[in-house]
Protein backbone atom coordinates (compact mmCIF):
# COMPACT_ATOMS: atom_id res chain seq x y z
CA UNK A 1 95.60 135.86 73.35
CA UNK A 2 95.28 132.15 74.02
CA UNK A 3 97.95 129.58 73.25
CA UNK A 4 96.61 127.29 70.51
CA UNK A 5 97.35 124.05 72.34
CA UNK A 6 95.90 125.38 75.61
CA UNK A 7 92.65 126.23 73.80
CA UNK A 8 92.45 122.76 72.26
CA UNK A 9 93.24 121.19 75.64
CA UNK A 10 90.34 123.04 77.34
CA UNK A 11 87.91 122.07 74.58
CA UNK A 12 89.05 118.44 74.68
CA UNK A 13 88.69 118.32 78.48
CA UNK A 14 85.00 119.26 78.18
CA UNK A 15 84.10 117.06 75.21
CA UNK A 16 82.24 114.36 77.17
CA UNK A 17 81.95 112.01 74.20
CA UNK A 18 81.57 114.72 71.55
CA UNK A 19 82.87 114.21 68.04
CA UNK A 20 85.60 116.70 67.13
CA UNK A 21 86.33 117.83 63.56
CA UNK A 22 89.62 119.77 63.65
CA UNK A 23 91.32 121.43 60.71
CA UNK A 24 94.45 123.46 60.07
CA UNK A 25 96.10 124.79 63.29
CA UNK A 26 93.68 122.98 65.60
CA UNK A 27 94.66 119.75 63.81
CA UNK A 28 98.45 120.35 63.77
CA UNK A 29 100.45 117.44 65.20
CA UNK A 30 102.65 119.81 67.23
CA UNK A 31 100.09 122.18 68.75
CA UNK A 32 96.65 120.86 67.93
CA UNK A 33 94.20 118.13 68.88
CA UNK A 34 96.42 115.11 68.10
CA UNK A 35 98.73 116.10 70.96
CA UNK A 36 96.00 116.31 73.61
CA UNK A 37 93.04 114.17 72.46
CA UNK A 38 91.59 111.88 75.10
CA UNK A 39 89.11 110.20 72.73
CA UNK A 40 90.87 109.81 69.40
CA UNK A 41 88.25 107.36 68.10
CA UNK A 42 85.76 110.25 68.13
CA UNK A 43 88.09 112.67 66.29
CA UNK A 44 87.68 113.24 62.59
CA UNK A 45 90.74 115.29 61.56
CA UNK A 46 90.21 116.97 58.22
CA UNK A 47 93.44 117.43 56.33
CA UNK A 48 93.76 118.61 52.76
CA UNK A 49 90.27 120.12 52.59
CA UNK A 50 90.81 123.67 53.83
CA UNK A 51 87.52 125.45 54.43
CA UNK A 52 85.39 122.31 54.67
CA UNK A 53 85.52 121.36 58.38
CA UNK A 54 82.39 123.41 59.09
CA UNK A 55 80.47 121.67 56.31
CA UNK A 56 81.59 118.21 57.46
CA UNK A 57 80.73 119.07 61.05
CA UNK A 58 77.27 120.21 59.98
CA UNK A 59 76.66 116.90 58.22
CA UNK A 60 77.73 114.96 61.30
CA UNK A 61 75.55 117.09 63.58
CA UNK A 62 72.50 116.53 61.38
CA UNK A 63 73.19 112.79 61.05
CA UNK A 64 73.84 112.29 64.78
CA UNK A 65 71.48 114.72 66.56
CA UNK A 66 72.00 113.04 69.94
CA UNK A 67 75.78 113.61 69.91
CA UNK A 68 77.59 116.92 70.28
CA UNK A 69 79.84 117.91 67.39
CA UNK A 70 82.72 120.36 67.90
CA UNK A 71 84.20 121.95 64.78
CA UNK A 72 87.66 123.42 65.39
CA UNK A 73 88.00 125.81 62.46
CA UNK A 74 90.65 128.31 61.38
CA UNK A 75 90.05 131.91 60.36
CA UNK A 76 91.66 131.34 56.96
CA UNK A 77 89.62 128.18 56.49
CA UNK A 78 86.32 129.83 57.36
CA UNK A 79 87.15 132.77 55.12
CA UNK A 80 87.28 130.31 52.21
CA UNK A 81 83.76 129.06 52.97
CA UNK A 82 81.77 131.94 54.49
CA UNK A 83 78.54 130.55 53.10
CA UNK A 84 78.81 127.79 55.69
CA UNK A 85 77.84 130.29 58.40
CA UNK A 86 74.43 130.89 56.83
CA UNK A 87 73.94 127.22 55.98
CA UNK A 88 74.69 126.10 59.54
CA UNK A 89 72.45 128.74 61.05
CA UNK A 90 69.66 127.84 58.61
CA UNK A 91 69.87 124.11 59.37
CA UNK A 92 70.07 125.01 63.10
CA UNK A 93 71.56 121.84 64.60
CA UNK A 94 71.27 122.29 68.35
CA UNK A 95 74.22 119.93 68.95
CA UNK A 96 76.82 121.85 66.88
CA UNK A 97 79.56 124.00 68.42
CA UNK A 98 81.71 125.89 65.93
CA UNK A 99 85.02 127.06 67.44
CA UNK A 100 86.95 129.60 65.36
CA UNK A 101 90.69 129.75 66.04
CA UNK A 102 91.49 133.30 64.95
CA UNK A 103 95.23 133.90 64.70
CA UNK A 104 95.26 136.30 61.73
CA UNK A 105 97.60 134.15 59.61
CA UNK A 106 97.67 131.05 57.45
CA UNK A 107 99.73 129.25 60.08
CA UNK A 108 100.27 125.88 58.41
CA UNK A 109 101.38 127.34 55.07
CA UNK A 110 104.06 129.70 56.35
CA UNK A 111 102.34 132.52 58.24
CA UNK A 112 100.95 134.62 55.40
CA UNK A 113 98.46 137.22 56.72
CA UNK A 114 94.74 136.51 56.39
CA UNK A 115 93.09 139.11 54.10
CA UNK A 116 91.02 141.55 56.15
CA UNK A 117 92.10 139.97 59.46
CA UNK A 118 92.24 143.30 61.28
CA UNK A 119 88.72 144.44 60.42
CA UNK A 120 86.77 141.17 60.16
CA UNK A 121 84.00 140.96 62.75
CA UNK A 122 83.60 137.19 63.17
CA UNK A 123 81.15 137.49 66.07
CA UNK A 124 79.02 139.93 64.10
CA UNK A 125 78.99 137.66 61.04
CA UNK A 126 77.91 134.66 63.13
CA UNK A 127 75.11 136.69 64.73
CA UNK A 128 73.98 138.10 61.38
CA UNK A 129 74.02 134.60 59.86
CA UNK A 130 71.65 133.46 62.62
CA UNK A 131 73.68 131.39 65.06
CA UNK A 132 71.63 130.80 68.21
CA UNK A 133 74.52 131.64 70.55
CA UNK A 134 77.82 133.51 70.09
CA UNK A 135 80.76 133.66 72.51
CA UNK A 136 84.18 135.27 72.30
CA UNK A 137 87.30 134.61 74.37
CA UNK A 138 90.75 136.19 74.23
CA UNK A 139 92.33 134.68 77.36
CA UNK A 140 92.66 131.19 78.78
CA UNK A 141 91.07 131.91 82.15
CA UNK A 142 87.82 133.21 80.62
CA UNK A 143 87.70 130.30 78.18
CA UNK A 144 88.21 127.79 80.98
CA UNK A 145 85.54 129.29 83.21
CA UNK A 146 83.17 130.01 80.29
CA UNK A 147 83.14 126.54 78.71
CA UNK A 148 80.28 125.26 80.85
CA UNK A 149 78.08 128.14 79.68
CA UNK A 150 79.14 127.48 76.08
CA UNK A 151 78.19 123.80 76.40
CA UNK A 152 74.80 124.61 77.90
CA UNK A 153 73.91 127.13 75.19
CA UNK A 154 71.36 126.35 72.50
CA UNK A 155 73.07 125.52 69.21
CA UNK A 156 74.29 126.18 66.74
CA UNK A 157 76.93 127.87 68.88
CA UNK A 158 79.77 130.02 67.53
CA UNK A 159 82.85 130.42 69.75
CA UNK A 160 85.44 132.97 68.61
CA UNK A 161 88.88 132.29 70.10
CA UNK A 162 91.66 134.85 69.75
CA UNK A 163 94.74 132.62 69.61
CA UNK A 164 98.45 133.32 69.30
CA UNK A 165 99.87 132.76 65.82
CA UNK A 166 101.98 129.61 65.85
CA UNK A 167 103.44 129.14 62.40
CA UNK A 168 104.41 125.78 60.91
CA UNK A 169 107.54 126.48 58.84
CA UNK A 170 108.70 122.91 58.26
CA UNK A 171 108.42 122.01 54.55
CA UNK A 172 105.43 119.72 53.94
CA UNK A 173 107.50 116.69 52.94
CA UNK A 174 109.39 116.81 56.27
CA UNK A 175 106.43 117.38 58.62
CA UNK A 176 105.42 114.80 61.17
CA UNK A 177 102.38 112.95 59.86
CA UNK A 178 99.16 112.18 61.71
CA UNK A 179 98.94 108.67 63.18
CA UNK A 180 95.66 108.12 61.33
CA UNK A 181 94.67 109.04 57.82
CA UNK A 182 91.35 110.77 57.14
CA UNK A 183 90.08 107.50 55.66
CA UNK A 184 91.02 105.56 58.81
CA UNK A 185 89.40 108.22 61.00
CA UNK A 186 86.15 108.00 58.97
CA UNK A 187 86.12 104.20 59.26
CA UNK A 188 86.82 104.24 63.00
CA UNK A 189 84.23 106.93 63.69
CA UNK A 190 81.62 105.03 61.67
CA UNK A 191 82.33 101.88 63.68
CA UNK A 192 82.13 103.75 66.99
CA UNK A 193 78.81 105.30 65.98
CA UNK A 194 77.46 101.97 64.69
CA UNK A 195 77.03 103.34 61.16
CA UNK A 196 77.55 101.07 58.17
């Protein structure tokens, strides 16, 4: 299994100007993108909208076809919005990379197990939905050496990452907050893209 922060670090290191839409674990202040981002102005962290990062990423990819869009999704989040797989494959944005952080638990709500986690075939679902390319990694070395192939693949690309469960047990009211709100991130990203 891959450490969550190590996976995010590898993805961030290969972004080359890509927009990143992280949610849940990949967006956690302690072990997600905010701790390693090298281009925060191009990050659009999605908090409070579990299951919707893939849909937001699809909209960005369609609106900005010349820019890569990385969606950093959680297994629990994607489970809540499985229809997004078919929608993304049907719209077929060649610039979209959908990374699934599969840890088998709802990590930011206390570590409850994901229903069906043991038998869910994420790669198979992505292929059946019609993703152009599907990759799977369960160790850091393969992810690190495989990222160039992932980035060269025709999109939409699905990347299944088997990550270690890292559970956030701090009560919500005592958790460290993001530096930027979702509203601020939207405004900054719009300015950086020259969108009014």
